N, C-alpha and C. Protein backbone atom coordinates (compact mmCIF):
# COMPACT_ATOMS: atom_id res chain seq x y z
N MET A 1 27.74 -7.04 -16.03
CA MET A 1 26.56 -7.87 -16.29
C MET A 1 26.02 -8.38 -14.95
N LEU A 2 24.72 -8.34 -14.81
CA LEU A 2 24.04 -8.85 -13.62
C LEU A 2 24.17 -10.37 -13.59
N ARG A 3 24.48 -10.92 -12.42
CA ARG A 3 24.62 -12.37 -12.27
C ARG A 3 23.62 -12.87 -11.24
N ILE A 4 22.88 -13.90 -11.62
CA ILE A 4 21.89 -14.53 -10.74
C ILE A 4 22.24 -15.99 -10.57
N LEU A 5 22.14 -16.44 -9.33
CA LEU A 5 22.36 -17.84 -9.00
C LEU A 5 21.02 -18.55 -8.94
N LEU A 6 20.90 -19.63 -9.69
CA LEU A 6 19.69 -20.46 -9.69
C LEU A 6 19.99 -21.74 -8.91
N ILE A 7 19.27 -21.93 -7.80
CA ILE A 7 19.46 -23.12 -6.97
C ILE A 7 18.20 -23.96 -7.01
N ASN A 8 18.36 -25.23 -7.31
CA ASN A 8 17.27 -26.20 -7.24
C ASN A 8 17.64 -27.24 -6.20
N GLY A 9 16.68 -27.55 -5.33
CA GLY A 9 16.91 -28.46 -4.22
C GLY A 9 16.60 -29.91 -4.54
N PRO A 10 16.33 -30.67 -3.49
CA PRO A 10 16.22 -32.12 -3.60
C PRO A 10 15.14 -32.58 -4.56
N ASN A 11 15.48 -33.62 -5.28
CA ASN A 11 14.62 -34.34 -6.22
C ASN A 11 14.33 -33.59 -7.50
N LEU A 12 14.77 -32.34 -7.61
CA LEU A 12 14.53 -31.62 -8.86
C LEU A 12 15.43 -32.13 -9.98
N ASN A 13 16.47 -32.86 -9.64
CA ASN A 13 17.26 -33.55 -10.65
C ASN A 13 16.45 -34.68 -11.30
N ARG A 14 15.31 -35.02 -10.74
CA ARG A 14 14.43 -36.08 -11.26
C ARG A 14 13.33 -35.52 -12.17
N LEU A 15 13.37 -34.22 -12.45
CA LEU A 15 12.37 -33.65 -13.36
C LEU A 15 12.38 -34.42 -14.67
N GLY A 16 11.21 -34.63 -15.22
CA GLY A 16 11.06 -35.42 -16.44
C GLY A 16 10.75 -36.87 -16.15
N LYS A 17 11.09 -37.32 -14.94
CA LYS A 17 10.82 -38.69 -14.51
C LYS A 17 9.90 -38.72 -13.30
N ARG A 18 10.06 -37.75 -12.44
CA ARG A 18 9.32 -37.69 -11.18
C ARG A 18 7.94 -37.09 -11.39
N GLU A 19 6.91 -37.82 -11.05
CA GLU A 19 5.54 -37.34 -11.07
C GLU A 19 5.25 -36.40 -12.25
N PRO A 20 5.31 -36.91 -13.47
CA PRO A 20 5.10 -36.04 -14.63
C PRO A 20 3.72 -35.38 -14.64
N GLU A 21 2.75 -35.98 -13.97
CA GLU A 21 1.42 -35.35 -13.89
C GLU A 21 1.45 -34.07 -13.06
N VAL A 22 2.46 -33.91 -12.22
CA VAL A 22 2.62 -32.70 -11.41
C VAL A 22 3.65 -31.77 -12.02
N TYR A 23 4.80 -32.33 -12.43
CA TYR A 23 5.95 -31.53 -12.85
C TYR A 23 6.19 -31.50 -14.35
N GLY A 24 5.45 -32.30 -15.11
CA GLY A 24 5.63 -32.33 -16.55
C GLY A 24 6.74 -33.29 -16.97
N ASN A 25 7.06 -33.27 -18.24
CA ASN A 25 8.03 -34.20 -18.81
C ASN A 25 9.39 -33.58 -19.09
N ALA A 26 9.51 -32.28 -18.93
CA ALA A 26 10.78 -31.60 -19.20
C ALA A 26 11.77 -31.88 -18.07
N THR A 27 13.04 -31.90 -18.42
CA THR A 27 14.10 -32.22 -17.47
C THR A 27 14.69 -30.97 -16.82
N LEU A 28 15.48 -31.18 -15.79
CA LEU A 28 16.19 -30.07 -15.15
C LEU A 28 17.12 -29.38 -16.14
N ASP A 29 17.79 -30.15 -16.96
CA ASP A 29 18.68 -29.58 -17.97
C ASP A 29 17.90 -28.66 -18.91
N MET A 30 16.71 -29.08 -19.31
CA MET A 30 15.87 -28.24 -20.18
C MET A 30 15.46 -26.96 -19.46
N LEU A 31 15.11 -27.08 -18.19
CA LEU A 31 14.74 -25.91 -17.39
C LEU A 31 15.91 -24.93 -17.31
N GLU A 32 17.09 -25.45 -16.99
CA GLU A 32 18.25 -24.58 -16.85
C GLU A 32 18.61 -23.90 -18.17
N GLN A 33 18.50 -24.63 -19.27
CA GLN A 33 18.78 -24.04 -20.58
C GLN A 33 17.78 -22.93 -20.89
N ASP A 34 16.52 -23.17 -20.59
CA ASP A 34 15.46 -22.18 -20.85
C ASP A 34 15.68 -20.91 -20.04
N VAL A 35 15.92 -21.07 -18.76
CA VAL A 35 16.12 -19.90 -17.89
C VAL A 35 17.39 -19.15 -18.29
N THR A 36 18.44 -19.87 -18.61
CA THR A 36 19.69 -19.24 -19.02
C THR A 36 19.50 -18.41 -20.29
N ALA A 37 18.80 -18.97 -21.27
CA ALA A 37 18.55 -18.24 -22.52
C ALA A 37 17.65 -17.03 -22.28
N PHE A 38 16.62 -17.22 -21.47
CA PHE A 38 15.72 -16.11 -21.14
C PHE A 38 16.49 -14.97 -20.48
N ALA A 39 17.29 -15.31 -19.48
CA ALA A 39 18.05 -14.30 -18.75
C ALA A 39 19.05 -13.59 -19.66
N LYS A 40 19.72 -14.36 -20.52
CA LYS A 40 20.70 -13.77 -21.43
C LYS A 40 20.05 -12.70 -22.30
N GLY A 41 18.80 -12.94 -22.70
CA GLY A 41 18.06 -11.96 -23.48
C GLY A 41 17.79 -10.67 -22.73
N HIS A 42 17.96 -10.70 -21.42
CA HIS A 42 17.77 -9.51 -20.58
C HIS A 42 19.09 -9.01 -20.01
N GLY A 43 20.20 -9.51 -20.59
CA GLY A 43 21.52 -9.08 -20.15
C GLY A 43 21.93 -9.63 -18.79
N ILE A 44 21.41 -10.78 -18.44
CA ILE A 44 21.70 -11.40 -17.15
C ILE A 44 22.39 -12.73 -17.37
N GLU A 45 23.40 -12.99 -16.56
CA GLU A 45 24.10 -14.28 -16.59
C GLU A 45 23.55 -15.15 -15.46
N ILE A 46 23.23 -16.39 -15.77
CA ILE A 46 22.71 -17.34 -14.79
C ILE A 46 23.75 -18.42 -14.52
N SER A 47 23.94 -18.73 -13.25
CA SER A 47 24.74 -19.90 -12.85
C SER A 47 23.79 -20.86 -12.16
N CYS A 48 23.79 -22.12 -12.59
CA CYS A 48 22.84 -23.11 -12.09
C CYS A 48 23.51 -24.08 -11.13
N PHE A 49 22.77 -24.45 -10.09
CA PHE A 49 23.25 -25.39 -9.10
C PHE A 49 22.07 -26.21 -8.61
N GLN A 50 22.27 -27.52 -8.48
CA GLN A 50 21.25 -28.41 -7.92
C GLN A 50 21.91 -29.34 -6.93
N SER A 51 21.25 -29.55 -5.80
CA SER A 51 21.76 -30.51 -4.84
C SER A 51 20.62 -31.13 -4.06
N ASN A 52 20.83 -32.37 -3.69
CA ASN A 52 19.90 -33.08 -2.80
C ASN A 52 20.34 -32.97 -1.35
N HIS A 53 21.40 -32.18 -1.11
CA HIS A 53 22.00 -32.11 0.22
C HIS A 53 21.89 -30.71 0.80
N GLU A 54 21.27 -30.62 1.95
CA GLU A 54 21.01 -29.34 2.60
C GLU A 54 22.30 -28.53 2.80
N GLY A 55 23.33 -29.16 3.31
CA GLY A 55 24.58 -28.45 3.58
C GLY A 55 25.22 -27.88 2.33
N ASP A 56 25.12 -28.59 1.21
CA ASP A 56 25.67 -28.07 -0.05
C ASP A 56 24.93 -26.81 -0.50
N ILE A 57 23.62 -26.80 -0.29
CA ILE A 57 22.83 -25.61 -0.64
C ILE A 57 23.21 -24.45 0.27
N ILE A 58 23.38 -24.72 1.54
CA ILE A 58 23.78 -23.68 2.49
C ILE A 58 25.16 -23.12 2.11
N ASP A 59 26.10 -24.00 1.81
CA ASP A 59 27.43 -23.53 1.40
C ASP A 59 27.35 -22.67 0.14
N MET A 60 26.52 -23.07 -0.81
CA MET A 60 26.38 -22.29 -2.05
C MET A 60 25.80 -20.91 -1.73
N LEU A 61 24.82 -20.84 -0.85
CA LEU A 61 24.24 -19.55 -0.45
C LEU A 61 25.31 -18.67 0.21
N HIS A 62 26.07 -19.23 1.13
CA HIS A 62 27.11 -18.46 1.81
C HIS A 62 28.16 -17.96 0.82
N ASP A 63 28.51 -18.78 -0.15
CA ASP A 63 29.55 -18.42 -1.10
C ASP A 63 29.06 -17.47 -2.20
N ALA A 64 27.77 -17.20 -2.25
CA ALA A 64 27.19 -16.38 -3.32
C ALA A 64 27.63 -14.92 -3.23
N GLU A 65 27.92 -14.44 -2.03
CA GLU A 65 28.40 -13.07 -1.90
C GLU A 65 29.89 -13.05 -2.21
N PRO A 66 30.45 -12.11 -2.90
CA PRO A 66 29.81 -10.99 -3.60
C PRO A 66 29.60 -11.26 -5.08
N THR A 67 29.62 -12.52 -5.50
CA THR A 67 29.59 -12.87 -6.91
C THR A 67 28.23 -12.61 -7.56
N PHE A 68 27.14 -12.81 -6.82
CA PHE A 68 25.81 -12.74 -7.41
C PHE A 68 25.01 -11.56 -6.87
N SER A 69 24.15 -11.02 -7.74
CA SER A 69 23.27 -9.91 -7.35
C SER A 69 21.91 -10.39 -6.91
N GLY A 70 21.55 -11.62 -7.27
CA GLY A 70 20.24 -12.17 -6.90
C GLY A 70 20.27 -13.67 -6.92
N ILE A 71 19.30 -14.27 -6.24
CA ILE A 71 19.18 -15.72 -6.18
C ILE A 71 17.74 -16.12 -6.47
N VAL A 72 17.58 -17.12 -7.32
CA VAL A 72 16.30 -17.79 -7.53
C VAL A 72 16.48 -19.17 -6.93
N ILE A 73 15.58 -19.54 -6.02
CA ILE A 73 15.71 -20.83 -5.36
C ILE A 73 14.40 -21.59 -5.34
N ASN A 74 14.48 -22.85 -5.73
CA ASN A 74 13.39 -23.80 -5.50
C ASN A 74 13.96 -24.79 -4.49
N PRO A 75 13.64 -24.59 -3.21
CA PRO A 75 14.23 -25.44 -2.18
C PRO A 75 13.65 -26.84 -2.11
N GLY A 76 12.67 -27.15 -2.98
CA GLY A 76 12.04 -28.47 -2.92
C GLY A 76 11.46 -28.70 -1.55
N ALA A 77 11.56 -29.92 -1.06
CA ALA A 77 10.99 -30.27 0.24
C ALA A 77 11.62 -29.49 1.39
N PHE A 78 12.83 -28.96 1.21
CA PHE A 78 13.45 -28.16 2.27
C PHE A 78 12.62 -26.90 2.57
N THR A 79 11.77 -26.51 1.64
CA THR A 79 10.91 -25.35 1.81
C THR A 79 10.15 -25.41 3.13
N HIS A 80 9.72 -26.58 3.50
CA HIS A 80 8.76 -26.74 4.58
C HIS A 80 9.37 -26.91 5.96
N TYR A 81 10.69 -27.16 6.01
CA TYR A 81 11.26 -27.41 7.34
C TYR A 81 12.72 -27.01 7.51
N SER A 82 13.39 -26.52 6.49
CA SER A 82 14.81 -26.24 6.65
C SER A 82 15.04 -24.83 7.18
N TYR A 83 15.09 -24.75 8.50
CA TYR A 83 15.43 -23.48 9.12
C TYR A 83 16.88 -23.12 8.84
N ALA A 84 17.70 -24.13 8.56
CA ALA A 84 19.10 -23.88 8.23
C ALA A 84 19.23 -23.14 6.90
N ILE A 85 18.46 -23.54 5.89
CA ILE A 85 18.48 -22.82 4.60
C ILE A 85 17.85 -21.45 4.77
N ARG A 86 16.78 -21.38 5.54
CA ARG A 86 16.14 -20.09 5.84
C ARG A 86 17.15 -19.14 6.47
N ASP A 87 17.89 -19.62 7.45
CA ASP A 87 18.87 -18.78 8.14
C ASP A 87 20.04 -18.41 7.22
N ALA A 88 20.42 -19.30 6.33
CA ALA A 88 21.48 -18.98 5.37
C ALA A 88 21.05 -17.84 4.44
N ILE A 89 19.81 -17.88 3.98
CA ILE A 89 19.30 -16.80 3.13
C ILE A 89 19.24 -15.49 3.93
N ALA A 90 18.80 -15.57 5.18
CA ALA A 90 18.72 -14.37 6.02
C ALA A 90 20.10 -13.79 6.31
N SER A 91 21.14 -14.64 6.27
CA SER A 91 22.48 -14.20 6.64
C SER A 91 23.22 -13.49 5.52
N ILE A 92 22.68 -13.52 4.31
CA ILE A 92 23.33 -12.87 3.18
C ILE A 92 22.52 -11.66 2.74
N SER A 93 23.17 -10.78 2.02
CA SER A 93 22.49 -9.55 1.59
C SER A 93 22.02 -9.61 0.14
N ILE A 94 21.81 -10.81 -0.35
CA ILE A 94 21.41 -11.00 -1.75
C ILE A 94 19.90 -11.24 -1.80
N PRO A 95 19.16 -10.44 -2.57
CA PRO A 95 17.72 -10.69 -2.68
C PRO A 95 17.44 -12.04 -3.31
N THR A 96 16.48 -12.75 -2.73
CA THR A 96 16.18 -14.12 -3.12
C THR A 96 14.69 -14.26 -3.42
N VAL A 97 14.39 -14.91 -4.53
CA VAL A 97 13.00 -15.22 -4.88
C VAL A 97 12.82 -16.73 -4.82
N GLU A 98 11.79 -17.15 -4.11
CA GLU A 98 11.45 -18.57 -3.97
C GLU A 98 10.49 -18.95 -5.09
N VAL A 99 10.76 -20.09 -5.73
CA VAL A 99 9.95 -20.56 -6.86
C VAL A 99 9.53 -22.00 -6.61
N HIS A 100 8.31 -22.32 -7.01
CA HIS A 100 7.82 -23.70 -7.01
C HIS A 100 7.09 -23.95 -8.32
N ILE A 101 7.38 -25.08 -8.93
CA ILE A 101 6.78 -25.44 -10.22
C ILE A 101 5.28 -25.68 -10.07
N SER A 102 4.91 -26.42 -9.04
CA SER A 102 3.50 -26.74 -8.82
C SER A 102 2.87 -25.74 -7.85
N ASN A 103 1.58 -25.71 -7.81
CA ASN A 103 0.86 -24.88 -6.84
C ASN A 103 0.84 -25.65 -5.52
N VAL A 104 1.77 -25.34 -4.66
CA VAL A 104 1.90 -26.07 -3.40
C VAL A 104 0.65 -25.96 -2.53
N HIS A 105 -0.12 -24.90 -2.72
CA HIS A 105 -1.33 -24.71 -1.91
C HIS A 105 -2.50 -25.58 -2.38
N ALA A 106 -2.36 -26.17 -3.55
CA ALA A 106 -3.38 -27.08 -4.06
C ALA A 106 -2.99 -28.54 -3.83
N ARG A 107 -1.91 -28.73 -3.10
CA ARG A 107 -1.40 -30.08 -2.84
C ARG A 107 -1.56 -30.44 -1.37
N GLU A 108 -0.80 -31.40 -0.91
CA GLU A 108 -0.91 -31.86 0.47
C GLU A 108 -0.71 -30.70 1.44
N GLU A 109 -1.36 -30.80 2.57
CA GLU A 109 -1.33 -29.70 3.55
C GLU A 109 0.08 -29.37 4.03
N PHE A 110 0.94 -30.37 4.18
CA PHE A 110 2.30 -30.09 4.67
C PHE A 110 3.07 -29.19 3.72
N ARG A 111 2.65 -29.12 2.45
CA ARG A 111 3.35 -28.28 1.48
C ARG A 111 2.91 -26.82 1.55
N HIS A 112 1.91 -26.51 2.33
CA HIS A 112 1.37 -25.16 2.38
C HIS A 112 2.28 -24.19 3.12
N LEU A 113 3.11 -24.67 4.02
CA LEU A 113 3.97 -23.81 4.82
C LEU A 113 5.35 -23.70 4.18
N SER A 114 5.84 -22.48 4.06
CA SER A 114 7.21 -22.24 3.63
C SER A 114 7.94 -21.49 4.74
N VAL A 115 9.03 -22.08 5.24
CA VAL A 115 9.85 -21.37 6.21
C VAL A 115 10.82 -20.43 5.48
N ILE A 116 10.90 -20.56 4.16
CA ILE A 116 11.77 -19.72 3.34
C ILE A 116 11.11 -18.37 3.02
N ALA A 117 9.80 -18.38 2.82
CA ALA A 117 9.08 -17.18 2.38
C ALA A 117 9.36 -15.92 3.20
N PRO A 118 9.44 -16.00 4.52
CA PRO A 118 9.68 -14.77 5.28
C PRO A 118 11.01 -14.08 5.01
N VAL A 119 11.99 -14.79 4.45
CA VAL A 119 13.28 -14.17 4.17
C VAL A 119 13.51 -13.96 2.67
N ALA A 120 12.53 -14.29 1.86
CA ALA A 120 12.60 -14.06 0.41
C ALA A 120 11.92 -12.73 0.09
N VAL A 121 12.35 -12.12 -1.03
CA VAL A 121 11.69 -10.88 -1.45
C VAL A 121 10.37 -11.17 -2.14
N GLY A 122 10.17 -12.43 -2.54
CA GLY A 122 8.93 -12.83 -3.18
C GLY A 122 8.89 -14.32 -3.41
N GLN A 123 7.71 -14.76 -3.82
CA GLN A 123 7.45 -16.18 -4.03
C GLN A 123 6.63 -16.32 -5.31
N ILE A 124 7.00 -17.27 -6.16
CA ILE A 124 6.25 -17.55 -7.38
C ILE A 124 5.92 -19.03 -7.36
N ILE A 125 4.62 -19.31 -7.42
CA ILE A 125 4.15 -20.68 -7.20
C ILE A 125 3.16 -21.08 -8.28
N GLY A 126 3.33 -22.30 -8.79
CA GLY A 126 2.31 -22.92 -9.62
C GLY A 126 2.30 -22.54 -11.09
N LEU A 127 3.32 -21.87 -11.57
CA LEU A 127 3.34 -21.45 -12.98
C LEU A 127 4.30 -22.28 -13.81
N GLY A 128 4.66 -23.44 -13.30
CA GLY A 128 5.56 -24.32 -14.04
C GLY A 128 6.93 -23.71 -14.20
N PHE A 129 7.60 -24.09 -15.25
CA PHE A 129 8.95 -23.58 -15.51
C PHE A 129 8.94 -22.08 -15.75
N TYR A 130 7.82 -21.55 -16.25
CA TYR A 130 7.71 -20.12 -16.53
C TYR A 130 7.94 -19.29 -15.26
N GLY A 131 7.63 -19.86 -14.11
CA GLY A 131 7.84 -19.17 -12.85
C GLY A 131 9.29 -18.76 -12.63
N TYR A 132 10.21 -19.56 -13.13
CA TYR A 132 11.63 -19.22 -13.00
C TYR A 132 11.96 -17.96 -13.80
N ASN A 133 11.40 -17.85 -14.99
CA ASN A 133 11.62 -16.64 -15.80
C ASN A 133 11.02 -15.42 -15.10
N LEU A 134 9.86 -15.60 -14.52
CA LEU A 134 9.24 -14.49 -13.78
C LEU A 134 10.09 -14.10 -12.58
N ALA A 135 10.71 -15.08 -11.94
CA ALA A 135 11.59 -14.78 -10.80
C ALA A 135 12.80 -13.96 -11.26
N VAL A 136 13.34 -14.29 -12.42
CA VAL A 136 14.46 -13.51 -12.97
C VAL A 136 14.01 -12.07 -13.22
N LEU A 137 12.84 -11.89 -13.82
CA LEU A 137 12.33 -10.54 -14.07
C LEU A 137 12.06 -9.80 -12.76
N ALA A 138 11.52 -10.51 -11.78
CA ALA A 138 11.25 -9.89 -10.48
C ALA A 138 12.55 -9.41 -9.84
N LEU A 139 13.61 -10.22 -9.92
CA LEU A 139 14.89 -9.79 -9.36
C LEU A 139 15.47 -8.62 -10.13
N LEU A 140 15.35 -8.65 -11.44
CA LEU A 140 15.83 -7.54 -12.26
C LEU A 140 15.15 -6.25 -11.83
N ASP A 141 13.85 -6.29 -11.64
CA ASP A 141 13.09 -5.12 -11.20
C ASP A 141 13.47 -4.72 -9.78
N TYR A 142 13.57 -5.70 -8.89
CA TYR A 142 13.89 -5.43 -7.49
C TYR A 142 15.28 -4.82 -7.36
N ILE A 143 16.25 -5.42 -8.02
CA ILE A 143 17.62 -4.93 -7.93
C ILE A 143 17.72 -3.54 -8.57
N GLY A 144 17.05 -3.35 -9.70
CA GLY A 144 17.05 -2.04 -10.36
C GLY A 144 16.42 -0.97 -9.51
N GLY A 145 15.41 -1.32 -8.75
CA GLY A 145 14.74 -0.37 -7.87
C GLY A 145 15.55 0.00 -6.65
N ARG A 146 16.48 -0.86 -6.27
CA ARG A 146 17.31 -0.61 -5.10
C ARG A 146 18.42 0.39 -5.40
N LYS A 147 18.80 0.47 -6.66
CA LYS A 147 19.94 1.33 -7.01
C LYS A 147 19.50 2.75 -7.26
């Protein structure tokens, strides 16, 4: 069975409470349940991880080999400045898709830059929670095309 690691970064544990006009009212637990069920329907197992700490995310990325075939990551604010997370993704051989719930390009200018994008196989932005499901499908297609 294909295994995908889902990583959510800082403040995503506040989904449902944090800026509902931007992120909606659904919680991180609801998001993880939705993605897990969606993936299961495609024969994929999802493992979920969330941290507000950069080093914990880096450790999780390093430890992902050889357990996982793909990674879906919403690095949160780390997207814009964490060269350490960028380098961790570059250091592993696991295809990674970057996801953002909101359209970061329609928000503050500092959110327009992603240091993660150059080392990801793709980016899905602004489609809400549905973007995570699309990231799973994108990895399924990408991984299937590599074999």
